[in-house]
């Protein structure tokens, strides 16, 4: 038998001492990296950010250098 979202939220609230809601329209729980349900997703998102942000910075610097040297 499937549990309703309200029952899951109630269990998370008791287990992690929070409201039980992980994400909502205007934000997310400050303990989202501790919960078992969201910990791996948050870790993957952090890895993607760690890789993509420096890559975009280097691409931008490379483009600026290329523009400066070709003119």
PDB file of N, CA and C in Angstrom:
ATOM      1  N   UNK A   1       0.843  -1.176   0.000  1.00  0.00           N
ATOM      2  CA  UNK A   1       0.000   0.000   0.000  1.00  0.00           C
ATOM      3  C   UNK A   1       0.890   1.242   0.000  1.00  0.00           C
ATOM      4  N   UNK A   2       0.609   2.171  -0.907  1.00  0.00           N
ATOM      5  CA  UNK A   2       1.420   3.371  -1.009  1.00  0.00           C
ATOM      6  C   UNK A   2       1.049   4.368   0.081  1.00  0.00           C
ATOM      7  N   UNK A   3       2.067   5.055   0.558  1.00  0.00           N
ATOM      8  CA  UNK A   3       1.839   6.103   1.551  1.00  0.00           C
ATOM      9  C   UNK A   3       1.529   7.402   0.835  1.00  0.00           C
ATOM     10  N   UNK A   4       0.676   8.190   1.420  1.00  0.00           N
ATOM     11  CA  UNK A   4       0.372   9.491   0.829  1.00  0.00           C
ATOM     12  C   UNK A   4       1.532  10.450   1.100  1.00  0.00           C
ATOM     13  N   UNK A   5       1.585  11.516   0.330  1.00  0.00           N
ATOM     14  CA  UNK A   5       2.648  12.509   0.509  1.00  0.00           C
ATOM     15  C   UNK A   5       2.588  13.116   1.909  1.00  0.00           C
ATOM     16  N   UNK A   6       1.381  13.276   2.438  1.00  0.00           N
ATOM     17  CA  UNK A   6       1.239  13.831   3.786  1.00  0.00           C
ATOM     18  C   UNK A   6       1.856  12.903   4.827  1.00  0.00           C
ATOM     19  N   UNK A   7       1.657  11.594   4.682  1.00  0.00           N
ATOM     20  CA  UNK A   7       2.242  10.630   5.623  1.00  0.00           C
ATOM     21  C   UNK A   7       3.760  10.623   5.525  1.00  0.00           C
ATOM     22  N   UNK A   8       4.287  10.692   4.281  1.00  0.00           N
ATOM     23  CA  UNK A   8       5.734  10.755   4.107  1.00  0.00           C
ATOM     24  C   UNK A   8       6.299  12.024   4.742  1.00  0.00           C
ATOM     25  N   UNK A   9       5.602  13.132   4.543  1.00  0.00           N
ATOM     26  CA  UNK A   9       6.044  14.405   5.113  1.00  0.00           C
ATOM     27  C   UNK A   9       6.051  14.335   6.640  1.00  0.00           C
ATOM     28  N   UNK A  10       5.045  13.698   7.206  1.00  0.00           N
ATOM     29  CA  UNK A  10       4.967  13.554   8.661  1.00  0.00           C
ATOM     30  C   UNK A  10       6.126  12.705   9.198  1.00  0.00           C
ATOM     31  N   UNK A  11       6.458  11.613   8.483  1.00  0.00           N
ATOM     32  CA  UNK A  11       7.571  10.762   8.894  1.00  0.00           C
ATOM     33  C   UNK A  11       8.904  11.513   8.813  1.00  0.00           C
ATOM     34  N   UNK A  12       9.114  12.257   7.723  1.00  0.00           N
ATOM     35  CA  UNK A  12      10.349  13.043   7.587  1.00  0.00           C
ATOM     36  C   UNK A  12      10.453  14.093   8.684  1.00  0.00           C
ATOM     37  N   UNK A  13       9.340  14.701   9.028  1.00  0.00           N
ATOM     38  CA  UNK A  13       9.342  15.725  10.074  1.00  0.00           C
ATOM     39  C   UNK A  13       9.776  15.135  11.413  1.00  0.00           C
ATOM     40  N   UNK A  14       9.306  13.949  11.715  1.00  0.00           N
ATOM     41  CA  UNK A  14       9.694  13.305  12.968  1.00  0.00           C
ATOM     42  C   UNK A  14      11.138  12.825  12.934  1.00  0.00           C
ATOM     43  N   UNK A  15      11.555  12.286  11.793  1.00  0.00           N
ATOM     44  CA  UNK A  15      12.893  11.704  11.679  1.00  0.00           C
ATOM     45  C   UNK A  15      13.994  12.762  11.674  1.00  0.00           C
ATOM     46  N   UNK A  16      13.777  13.863  10.944  1.00  0.00           N
ATOM     47  CA  UNK A  16      14.831  14.867  10.762  1.00  0.00           C
ATOM     48  C   UNK A  16      14.587  16.159  11.541  1.00  0.00           C
ATOM     49  N   UNK A  17      13.519  16.203  12.317  1.00  0.00           N
ATOM     50  CA  UNK A  17      13.195  17.370  13.150  1.00  0.00           C
ATOM     51  C   UNK A  17      13.074  18.642  12.301  1.00  0.00           C
ATOM     52  N   UNK A  18      12.228  18.552  11.280  1.00  0.00           N
ATOM     53  CA  UNK A  18      11.976  19.703  10.411  1.00  0.00           C
ATOM     54  C   UNK A  18      10.496  19.694  10.045  1.00  0.00           C
ATOM     55  N   UNK A  19      10.127  20.463   9.034  1.00  0.00           N
ATOM     56  CA  UNK A  19       8.725  20.491   8.616  1.00  0.00           C
ATOM     57  C   UNK A  19       8.331  19.266   7.810  1.00  0.00           C
ATOM     58  N   UNK A  20       9.315  18.569   7.250  1.00  0.00           N
ATOM     59  CA  UNK A  20       9.025  17.392   6.442  1.00  0.00           C
ATOM     60  C   UNK A  20       8.928  17.680   4.959  1.00  0.00           C
ATOM     61  N   UNK A  21       8.886  18.941   4.606  1.00  0.00           N
ATOM     62  CA  UNK A  21       8.864  19.335   3.193  1.00  0.00           C
ATOM     63  C   UNK A  21      10.289  19.611   2.762  1.00  0.00           C
ATOM     64  N   UNK A  22      10.725  18.970   1.675  1.00  0.00           N
ATOM     65  CA  UNK A  22      12.096  19.158   1.199  1.00  0.00           C
ATOM     66  C   UNK A  22      12.206  20.372   0.294  1.00  0.00           C
ATOM     67  N   UNK A  23      11.319  20.451  -0.694  1.00  0.00           N
ATOM     68  CA  UNK A  23      11.345  21.557  -1.648  1.00  0.00           C
ATOM     69  C   UNK A  23       9.939  22.136  -1.758  1.00  0.00           C
ATOM     70  N   UNK A  24       9.842  23.418  -2.004  1.00  0.00           N
ATOM     71  CA  UNK A  24       8.565  24.058  -2.288  1.00  0.00           C
ATOM     72  C   UNK A  24       8.801  25.167  -3.307  1.00  0.00           C
ATOM     73  N   UNK A  25       7.778  25.884  -3.682  1.00  0.00           N
ATOM     74  CA  UNK A  25       7.875  26.858  -4.778  1.00  0.00           C
ATOM     75  C   UNK A  25       8.897  27.954  -4.541  1.00  0.00           C
ATOM     76  N   UNK A  26       9.059  28.376  -3.309  1.00  0.00           N
ATOM     77  CA  UNK A  26       9.931  29.518  -3.037  1.00  0.00           C
ATOM     78  C   UNK A  26      11.253  29.158  -2.374  1.00  0.00           C
ATOM     79  N   UNK A  27      11.544  27.882  -2.194  1.00  0.00           N
ATOM     80  CA  UNK A  27      12.814  27.538  -1.551  1.00  0.00           C
ATOM     81  C   UNK A  27      12.924  26.064  -1.236  1.00  0.00           C
ATOM     82  N   UNK A  28      13.813  25.769  -0.298  1.00  0.00           N
ATOM     83  CA  UNK A  28      14.013  24.385   0.123  1.00  0.00           C
ATOM     84  C   UNK A  28      14.396  24.358   1.599  1.00  0.00           C
ATOM     85  N   UNK A  29      14.282  23.202   2.186  1.00  0.00           N
ATOM     86  CA  UNK A  29      14.603  23.009   3.595  1.00  0.00           C
ATOM     87  C   UNK A  29      16.105  23.204   3.816  1.00  0.00           C
ATOM     88  N   UNK A  30      16.501  23.885   4.893  1.00  0.00           N
ATOM     89  CA  UNK A  30      17.928  24.046   5.149  1.00  0.00           C
ATOM     90  C   UNK A  30      18.642  22.730   5.469  1.00  0.00           C
ATOM     91  N   UNK A  31      17.893  21.711   5.789  1.00  0.00           N
ATOM     92  CA  UNK A  31      18.496  20.414   6.112  1.00  0.00           C
ATOM     93  C   UNK A  31      18.406  19.433   4.949  1.00  0.00           C
ATOM     94  N   UNK A  32      18.211  19.940   3.724  1.00  0.00           N
ATOM     95  CA  UNK A  32      17.993  19.076   2.564  1.00  0.00           C
ATOM     96  C   UNK A  32      19.205  18.191   2.266  1.00  0.00           C
ATOM     97  N   UNK A  33      20.398  18.599   2.653  1.00  0.00           N
ATOM     98  CA  UNK A  33      21.587  17.772   2.403  1.00  0.00           C
ATOM     99  C   UNK A  33      21.774  16.685   3.456  1.00  0.00           C
ATOM    100  N   UNK A  34      20.951  16.656   4.479  1.00  0.00           N
ATOM    101  CA  UNK A  34      21.043  15.643   5.529  1.00  0.00           C
ATOM    102  C   UNK A  34      20.048  14.511   5.297  1.00  0.00           C
ATOM    103  N   UNK A  35      18.888  14.823   4.717  1.00  0.00           N
ATOM    104  CA  UNK A  35      17.834  13.834   4.506  1.00  0.00           C
ATOM    105  C   UNK A  35      18.297  12.727   3.563  1.00  0.00           C
ATOM    106  N   UNK A  36      17.899  11.508   3.857  1.00  0.00           N
ATOM    107  CA  UNK A  36      18.251  10.374   3.002  1.00  0.00           C
ATOM    108  C   UNK A  36      17.622  10.494   1.619  1.00  0.00           C
ATOM    109  N   UNK A  37      16.412  11.075   1.543  1.00  0.00           N
ATOM    110  CA  UNK A  37      15.703  11.160   0.264  1.00  0.00           C
ATOM    111  C   UNK A  37      16.364  12.137  -0.697  1.00  0.00           C
ATOM    112  N   UNK A  38      17.018  13.162  -0.202  1.00  0.00           N
ATOM    113  CA  UNK A  38      17.535  14.222  -1.077  1.00  0.00           C
ATOM    114  C   UNK A  38      19.054  14.360  -1.062  1.00  0.00           C
ATOM    115  N   UNK A  39      19.726  13.608  -0.221  1.00  0.00           N
ATOM    116  CA  UNK A  39      21.171  13.767  -0.077  1.00  0.00           C
ATOM    117  C   UNK A  39      21.927  13.490  -1.372  1.00  0.00           C
ATOM    118  N   UNK A  40      21.601  12.423  -2.088  1.00  0.00           N
ATOM    119  CA  UNK A  40      22.326  12.101  -3.318  1.00  0.00           C
ATOM    120  C   UNK A  40      22.037  13.118  -4.417  1.00  0.00           C
ATOM    121  N   UNK A  41      20.797  13.575  -4.505  1.00  0.00           N
ATOM    122  CA  UNK A  41      20.452  14.581  -5.513  1.00  0.00           C
ATOM    123  C   UNK A  41      21.214  15.870  -5.273  1.00  0.00           C
ATOM    124  N   UNK A  42      21.297  16.292  -4.038  1.00  0.00           N
ATOM    125  CA  UNK A  42      22.023  17.519  -3.709  1.00  0.00           C
ATOM    126  C   UNK A  42      23.523  17.361  -3.963  1.00  0.00           C
ATOM    127  N   UNK A  43      24.070  16.170  -3.712  1.00  0.00           N
ATOM    128  CA  UNK A  43      25.481  15.923  -3.969  1.00  0.00           C
ATOM    129  C   UNK A  43      25.785  15.997  -5.465  1.00  0.00           C
ATOM    130  N   UNK A  44      24.931  15.401  -6.277  1.00  0.00           N
ATOM    131  CA  UNK A  44      25.106  15.443  -7.727  1.00  0.00           C
ATOM    132  C   UNK A  44      25.003  16.885  -8.228  1.00  0.00           C
ATOM    133  N   UNK A  45      24.050  17.643  -7.707  1.00  0.00           N
ATOM    134  CA  UNK A  45      23.907  19.044  -8.111  1.00  0.00           C
ATOM    135  C   UNK A  45      25.149  19.852  -7.746  1.00  0.00           C
ATOM    136  N   UNK A  46      25.726  19.577  -6.589  1.00  0.00           N
ATOM    137  CA  UNK A  46      26.948  20.275  -6.177  1.00  0.00           C
ATOM    138  C   UNK A  46      28.119  19.907  -7.089  1.00  0.00           C
ATOM    139  N   UNK A  47      28.217  18.644  -7.474  1.00  0.00           N
ATOM    140  CA  UNK A  47      29.287  18.220  -8.392  1.00  0.00           C
ATOM    141  C   UNK A  47      29.141  18.875  -9.762  1.00  0.00           C
ATOM    142  N   UNK A  48      27.925  18.936 -10.259  1.00  0.00           N
ATOM    143  CA  UNK A  48      27.693  19.580 -11.551  1.00  0.00           C
ATOM    144  C   UNK A  48      28.093  21.051 -11.483  1.00  0.00           C
ATOM    145  N   UNK A  49      27.733  21.721 -10.405  1.00  0.00           N
ATOM    146  CA  UNK A  49      28.123  23.116 -10.238  1.00  0.00           C
ATOM    147  C   UNK A  49      29.621  23.285 -10.107  1.00  0.00           C
ATOM    148  N   UNK A  50      30.252  22.361  -9.405  1.00  0.00           N
ATOM    149  CA  UNK A  50      31.700  22.422  -9.212  1.00  0.00           C
ATOM    150  C   UNK A  50      32.457  22.247 -10.517  1.00  0.00           C
ATOM    151  N   UNK A  51      31.901  21.476 -11.422  1.00  0.00           N
ATOM    152  CA  UNK A  51      32.554  21.244 -12.712  1.00  0.00           C
ATOM    153  C   UNK A  51      32.186  22.314 -13.738  1.00  0.00           C
ATOM    154  N   UNK A  52      30.908  22.662 -13.805  1.00  0.00           N
ATOM    155  CA  UNK A  52      30.457  23.549 -14.879  1.00  0.00           C
ATOM    156  C   UNK A  52      30.844  25.008 -14.675  1.00  0.00           C
ATOM    157  N   UNK A  53      30.826  25.512 -13.470  1.00  0.00           N
ATOM    158  CA  UNK A  53      31.150  26.932 -13.251  1.00  0.00           C
ATOM    159  C   UNK A  53      32.597  27.250 -13.633  1.00  0.00           C
ATOM    160  N   UNK A  54      33.596  26.514 -13.149  1.00  0.00           N
ATOM    161  CA  UNK A  54      34.962  26.809 -13.608  1.00  0.00           C
ATOM    162  C   UNK A  54      35.144  26.604 -15.117  1.00  0.00           C
ATOM    163  N   UNK A  55      34.459  25.598 -15.678  1.00  0.00           N
ATOM    164  CA  UNK A  55      34.566  25.374 -17.124  1.00  0.00           C
ATOM    165  C   UNK A  55      34.043  26.576 -17.895  1.00  0.00           C
ATOM    166  N   UNK A  56      32.920  27.119 -17.477  1.00  0.00           N
ATOM    167  CA  UNK A  56      32.368  28.295 -18.156  1.00  0.00           C
ATOM    168  C   UNK A  56      33.270  29.515 -17.991  1.00  0.00           C
ATOM    169  N   UNK A  57      33.901  29.644 -16.840  1.00  0.00           N
ATOM    170  CA  UNK A  57      34.837  30.762 -16.629  1.00  0.00           C
ATOM    171  C   UNK A  57      36.029  30.622 -17.571  1.00  0.00           C
ATOM    172  N   UNK A  58      36.590  29.425 -17.678  1.00  0.00           N
ATOM    173  CA  UNK A  58      37.728  29.216 -18.579  1.00  0.00           C
ATOM    174  C   UNK A  58      37.343  29.421 -20.047  1.00  0.00           C
ATOM    175  N   UNK A  59      36.145  28.988 -20.412  1.00  0.00           N
ATOM    176  CA  UNK A  59      35.679  29.220 -21.778  1.00  0.00           C
ATOM    177  C   UNK A  59      35.559  30.718 -22.050  1.00  0.00           C
ATOM    178  N   UNK A  60      35.016  31.457 -21.098  1.00  0.00           N
ATOM    179  CA  UNK A  60      34.895  32.899 -21.247  1.00  0.00           C
ATOM    180  C   UNK A  60      36.241  33.581 -21.367  1.00  0.00           C
ATOM    181  N   UNK A  61      37.195  33.177 -20.538  1.00  0.00           N
ATOM    182  CA  UNK A  61      38.541  33.752 -20.600  1.00  0.00           C
ATOM    183  C   UNK A  61      39.192  33.405 -21.939  1.00  0.00           C
ATOM    184  N   UNK A  62      39.021  32.165 -22.396  1.00  0.00           N
ATOM    185  CA  UNK A  62      39.572  31.750 -23.680  1.00  0.00           C
ATOM    186  C   UNK A  62      38.983  32.549 -24.834  1.00  0.00           C
ATOM    187  N   UNK A  63      37.680  32.778 -24.810  1.00  0.00           N
ATOM    188  CA  UNK A  63      37.054  33.580 -25.861  1.00  0.00           C
ATOM    189  C   UNK A  63      37.549  35.020 -25.843  1.00  0.00           C
ATOM    190  N   UNK A  64      37.677  35.588 -24.667  1.00  0.00           N
ATOM    191  CA  UNK A  64      38.191  36.965 -24.575  1.00  0.00           C
ATOM    192  C   UNK A  64      39.628  37.041 -25.087  1.00  0.00           C
ATOM    193  N   UNK A  65      40.436  36.046 -24.751  1.00  0.00           N
ATOM    194  CA  UNK A  65      41.818  36.021 -25.234  1.00  0.00           C
ATOM    195  C   UNK A  65      41.854  35.879 -26.752  1.00  0.00           C
ATOM    196  N   UNK A  66      41.013  34.995 -27.286  1.00  0.00           N
ATOM    197  CA  UNK A  66      40.953  34.782 -28.728  1.00  0.00           C
ATOM    198  C   UNK A  66      40.512  36.054 -29.457  1.00  0.00           C
ATOM    199  N   UNK A  67      39.517  36.738 -28.922  1.00  0.00           N
ATOM    200  CA  UNK A  67      39.056  37.992 -29.528  1.00  0.00           C
ATOM    201  C   UNK A  67      40.155  39.048 -29.482  1.00  0.00           C
ATOM    202  N   UNK A  68      40.853  39.121 -28.349  1.00  0.00           N
ATOM    203  CA  UNK A  68      41.902  40.131 -28.189  1.00  0.00           C
ATOM    204  C   UNK A  68      43.100  39.866 -29.112  1.00  0.00           C
ATOM    205  N   UNK A  69      43.406  38.608 -29.365  1.00  0.00           N
ATOM    206  CA  UNK A  69      44.569  38.303 -30.185  1.00  0.00           C
ATOM    207  C   UNK A  69      44.280  38.342 -31.688  1.00  0.00           C
ATOM    208  N   UNK A  70      43.022  38.230 -32.068  1.00  0.00           N
ATOM    209  CA  UNK A  70      42.688  38.228 -33.501  1.00  0.00           C
ATOM    210  C   UNK A  70      42.387  39.625 -34.033  1.00  0.00           C
ATOM    211  N   UNK A  71      42.289  40.580 -33.182  1.00  0.00           N
ATOM    212  CA  UNK A  71      41.998  41.950 -33.641  1.00  0.00           C
ATOM    213  C   UNK A  71      43.237  42.776 -33.760  1.00  0.00           C
TER     214      UNK A  71
END
